[in-house]
Protein backbone atom coordinates (compact mmCIF):
# COMPACT_ATOMS: atom_id res chain seq x y z
CA MET A 1 0.00 0.00 0.00
CA GLN A 2 1.25 3.48 -0.82
CA PRO A 3 1.93 5.98 1.96
CA THR A 4 -1.04 8.09 3.03
CA PHE A 5 -1.26 11.82 2.60
CA THR A 6 -1.76 12.79 6.24
CA HIS A 7 -1.39 16.53 5.57
CA TYR A 8 -4.28 16.48 3.06
CA HIS A 9 -7.90 16.82 4.17
CA PHE A 10 -11.10 17.55 2.29
CA GLU A 11 -14.62 18.52 3.19
CA GLY A 12 -16.77 15.46 3.83
CA GLN A 13 -13.85 13.18 4.74
CA LYS A 14 -15.11 10.32 6.92
CA ASN A 15 -13.57 9.21 10.20
CA GLY A 16 -10.84 6.67 9.51
CA GLU A 17 -10.85 7.38 5.79
CA GLU A 18 -7.26 7.61 4.57
CA ILE A 19 -6.19 9.59 1.52
CA LEU A 20 -3.96 7.35 -0.59
CA MET A 21 -3.49 9.39 -3.77
CA VAL A 22 -3.98 13.02 -4.81
CA ILE A 23 -3.80 13.23 -8.59
CA HIS A 24 -3.58 16.26 -10.86
CA ARG A 25 -3.42 16.24 -14.63
CA HIS A 26 -0.01 15.66 -16.21
CA TRP A 27 2.24 18.74 -16.60
CA PHE A 28 2.37 18.30 -20.37
CA ASN A 29 -1.36 18.97 -20.55
CA ILE A 30 -0.99 22.48 -19.13
CA LEU A 31 2.14 23.05 -21.21
CA THR A 32 0.13 22.55 -24.42
CA HIS A 33 -2.38 25.16 -23.24
CA PHE A 34 0.37 27.59 -22.25
CA SER A 35 2.10 27.20 -25.62
CA VAL A 36 -0.87 28.98 -27.24
CA ILE A 37 -0.43 31.88 -24.83
CA PHE A 38 3.31 31.90 -25.51
CA PHE A 39 2.72 32.32 -29.26
CA MET A 40 0.20 35.08 -28.58
CA ILE A 41 2.79 36.91 -26.45
CA LEU A 42 5.32 36.54 -29.29
CA PHE A 43 2.72 38.04 -31.62
CA LEU A 44 2.16 40.91 -29.18
CA PHE A 45 5.86 41.77 -28.93
CA GLY A 46 6.30 41.27 -32.67
CA SER A 47 3.59 43.83 -33.29
CA TYR A 48 5.74 46.53 -31.64
CA PHE A 49 8.51 45.99 -34.19
CA LEU A 50 6.29 45.40 -37.22
CA THR A 51 4.20 48.53 -36.75
CA ALA A 52 7.30 50.68 -36.32
CA ILE A 53 8.92 49.24 -39.45
CA LEU A 54 5.95 48.87 -41.79
CA PHE A 55 3.74 51.83 -40.88
CA ASP A 56 5.29 55.27 -40.59
CA GLU A 57 1.86 56.86 -40.17
CA PHE A 58 1.68 55.28 -36.70
CA SER A 59 4.01 57.99 -35.54
CA GLU A 60 1.03 60.28 -34.96
CA GLN A 61 0.13 60.56 -31.27
CA LEU A 62 -3.54 59.56 -31.65
CA LEU A 63 -2.68 56.35 -33.48
CA LEU A 64 0.11 55.59 -31.02
CA ASN A 65 -2.36 55.90 -28.15
CA LEU A 66 -4.85 53.67 -29.96
CA THR A 67 -2.32 50.92 -30.62
CA ALA A 68 -1.04 51.16 -27.02
CA PHE A 69 -4.62 50.74 -25.78
CA MET A 70 -5.22 47.73 -28.08
CA ARG A 71 -1.97 46.09 -26.95
CA SER A 72 -2.86 46.66 -23.28
CA LEU A 73 -6.30 45.16 -23.87
CA PHE A 74 -4.75 42.16 -25.63
CA PHE A 75 -2.22 41.70 -22.81
CA THR A 76 -5.04 41.81 -20.21
CA PHE A 77 -6.91 39.16 -22.19
CA LEU A 78 -3.77 36.97 -22.25
CA TRP A 79 -3.30 37.40 -18.49
CA LEU A 80 -6.92 36.37 -17.82
CA LEU A 81 -6.56 33.39 -20.17
CA PHE A 82 -3.35 32.32 -18.39
CA PHE A 83 -5.08 32.63 -15.01
CA ALA A 84 -8.14 30.63 -16.16
CA ILE A 85 -5.95 27.83 -17.57
CA TRP A 86 -3.90 27.67 -14.36
CA ILE A 87 -7.02 27.62 -12.13
CA ASP A 88 -8.56 24.85 -14.24
CA TYR A 89 -5.36 22.80 -14.06
CA TYR A 90 -4.64 23.35 -10.36
CA PHE A 91 -8.15 22.77 -9.04
CA ASP A 92 -8.96 19.71 -11.17
CA VAL A 93 -8.03 16.93 -8.79
CA TRP A 94 -8.85 13.29 -8.17
CA ILE A 95 -8.54 11.91 -4.63
CA VAL A 96 -8.30 8.17 -4.05
CA THR A 97 -9.07 7.17 -0.48
CA SER A 98 -9.38 3.86 1.32
CA GLU A 99 -13.15 3.94 0.70
CA ARG A 100 -13.91 5.98 -2.42
CA ILE A 101 -12.73 8.14 -5.31
CA ILE A 102 -13.53 11.86 -5.32
CA ASN A 103 -13.44 13.87 -8.54
CA ILE A 104 -13.19 17.66 -8.08
CA GLU A 105 -13.55 19.41 -11.41
CA GLN A 106 -13.15 23.16 -11.83
CA LYS A 107 -15.28 24.58 -14.64
CA GLY A 108 -14.36 28.20 -15.22
CA LEU A 109 -13.51 30.55 -12.39
CA PHE A 110 -16.61 30.20 -10.24
CA THR A 111 -18.01 26.71 -10.83
CA ARG A 112 -16.79 23.52 -9.23
CA VAL A 113 -18.32 20.06 -9.63
CA VAL A 114 -17.56 17.40 -7.02
CA SER A 115 -18.56 13.79 -7.57
CA GLU A 116 -17.62 10.63 -5.76
CA LEU A 117 -17.62 6.92 -6.37
CA GLU A 118 -17.61 4.20 -3.73
CA LEU A 119 -14.98 1.54 -4.40
CA GLU A 120 -17.55 -1.24 -4.10
CA LYS A 121 -19.45 0.11 -7.15
CA ILE A 122 -16.44 -0.31 -9.45
CA GLN A 123 -16.91 -2.99 -12.09
CA ASP A 124 -13.95 -2.35 -14.37
CA VAL A 125 -10.95 -0.01 -14.67
CA THR A 126 -9.40 0.72 -18.08
CA THR A 127 -6.40 2.82 -19.06
CA ASP A 128 -6.32 4.72 -22.35
CA VAL A 129 -2.91 6.00 -23.51
CA ARG A 130 -2.93 7.19 -27.11
CA GLY A 131 -0.15 8.74 -29.15
CA VAL A 132 3.62 8.95 -29.10
CA ILE A 133 3.97 11.78 -26.57
CA PRO A 134 1.52 10.31 -23.99
CA THR A 135 3.24 6.92 -24.33
CA PHE A 136 6.70 8.45 -23.97
CA LEU A 137 5.73 10.70 -21.03
CA ASN A 138 3.48 8.01 -19.47
CA TYR A 139 0.17 9.81 -19.14
CA GLY A 140 -3.37 9.14 -20.29
CA HIS A 141 -6.97 8.58 -19.28
CA ILE A 142 -8.39 6.14 -16.75
CA LEU A 143 -11.98 5.02 -17.35
CA ILE A 144 -13.85 3.44 -14.46
CA GLN A 145 -16.99 1.45 -15.28
CA THR A 146 -19.52 1.56 -12.45
CA ALA A 147 -22.68 -0.21 -11.44
CA GLY A 148 -24.41 3.05 -10.44
CA GLU A 149 -26.31 5.79 -12.27
CA ARG A 150 -23.14 7.31 -13.66
CA GLU A 151 -21.78 4.67 -16.01
CA ARG A 152 -18.26 6.06 -16.39
CA PHE A 153 -15.89 7.92 -14.11
CA ILE A 154 -12.99 9.44 -16.07
CA PHE A 155 -9.55 10.64 -14.95
CA ARG A 156 -8.29 12.80 -17.84
CA ASN A 157 -4.59 13.15 -18.77
CA VAL A 158 -3.22 11.84 -15.48
CA PRO A 159 0.41 10.78 -14.95
CA ASP A 160 1.26 7.07 -14.63
CA PRO A 161 -2.24 5.75 -15.35
CA TYR A 162 -1.14 2.11 -15.06
CA ALA A 163 0.02 2.55 -11.45
CA ILE A 164 -3.20 4.40 -10.56
CA LYS A 165 -5.27 1.64 -12.16
CA ASP A 166 -3.35 -1.04 -10.23
CA THR A 167 -3.87 0.84 -6.95
CA ILE A 168 -7.61 1.23 -7.53
CA MET A 169 -8.01 -2.44 -8.50
CA LYS A 170 -6.01 -3.52 -5.46
CA LEU A 171 -8.19 -1.40 -3.16
CA GLN A 172 -11.34 -2.74 -4.76
CA ASN A 173 -10.15 -6.36 -4.41
CA GLU A 174 -9.19 -5.79 -0.76
CA LEU A 175 -12.65 -4.35 -0.10
CA GLU A 176 -14.34 -7.33 -1.80
CA ASN A 177 -12.24 -9.81 0.21
CA LYS A 178 -13.04 -7.95 3.44
CA GLU A 179 -16.77 -8.05 2.68
CA GLU A 180 -16.60 -11.75 1.79
CA ASN A 181 -14.75 -12.50 5.05
CA GLN A 182 -17.32 -10.53 7.08
CA PHE A 183 -20.18 -12.34 5.33
CA GLY A 184 -18.50 -15.72 5.93
CA GLU A 185 -17.96 -14.86 9.61
CA MET A 186 -21.62 -13.84 10.01
CA LEU A 187 -22.75 -17.04 8.30
CA ARG A 188 -20.55 -19.18 10.57
CA GLU A 189 -21.88 -17.40 13.68
CA LYS A 190 -25.48 -17.90 12.50
CA ILE A 191 -24.87 -21.62 11.85
CA HIS A 192 -23.14 -21.95 15.24
CA HIS A 193 -26.08 -20.30 17.05
CA GLU A 194 -28.61 -22.49 15.21
CA ASN A 195 -26.68 -25.67 16.19
CA THR A 196 -26.47 -24.73 19.88
C-alpha cells in the first residue's frame, strides 16, 4: 500500500478514511495550453517591431495611443486566459481514499463540480494511452466502469495511469475480500447459534 497523505484533508472526509493518492493532470497537458499563450505573447511583442517598421503613419500621437490601448487590452486578455488555464489545471483533482474516489472538477472561475464513487461500485478499470507523446511521457486517461447511475468515471490526462489503475483495482479487491470475510464470519456465527 502506498503511503497516506496525512497533511491532506477535504470537506466530507469520513472518520478513519485515509487519503492514498492526490492526482492532478499531467504537466504536459498544461504546457500545451500555455504554448498557445506563448505564441500570442510573441505576436504581441512582434507587433511593436512590425508597426514601427511597416507603418510610418503610426508615428502620430492619436494612433500611437490607440495601438497602445489595443496592446494593453490584448495583454489583459492573455493574463486572464493564463489565469483561467492555471485555475482549471490546479483545481482539477482526483482523490483516491481507502473507501472511495472523489473527482473535483473546476469549470471556469466560479463553478466547481464534485462527484464521488464508492470503491464497491467499481466494475472495471481501463487505461487509455494514445499517441507517441503520452506513451513516452506516461500519461493518459483512466476510465472506471460503475454499477451506479453514472456509467463512467474518467480521470483525464493523469500521470502514470497504469500505477493508478493497479492501486484502484487492489483497493477494490481488498474491499471485496473484506466483505466476503465478514459475510462468511456472520454465516458461521449464525450456523453456530442455530446448532447450539
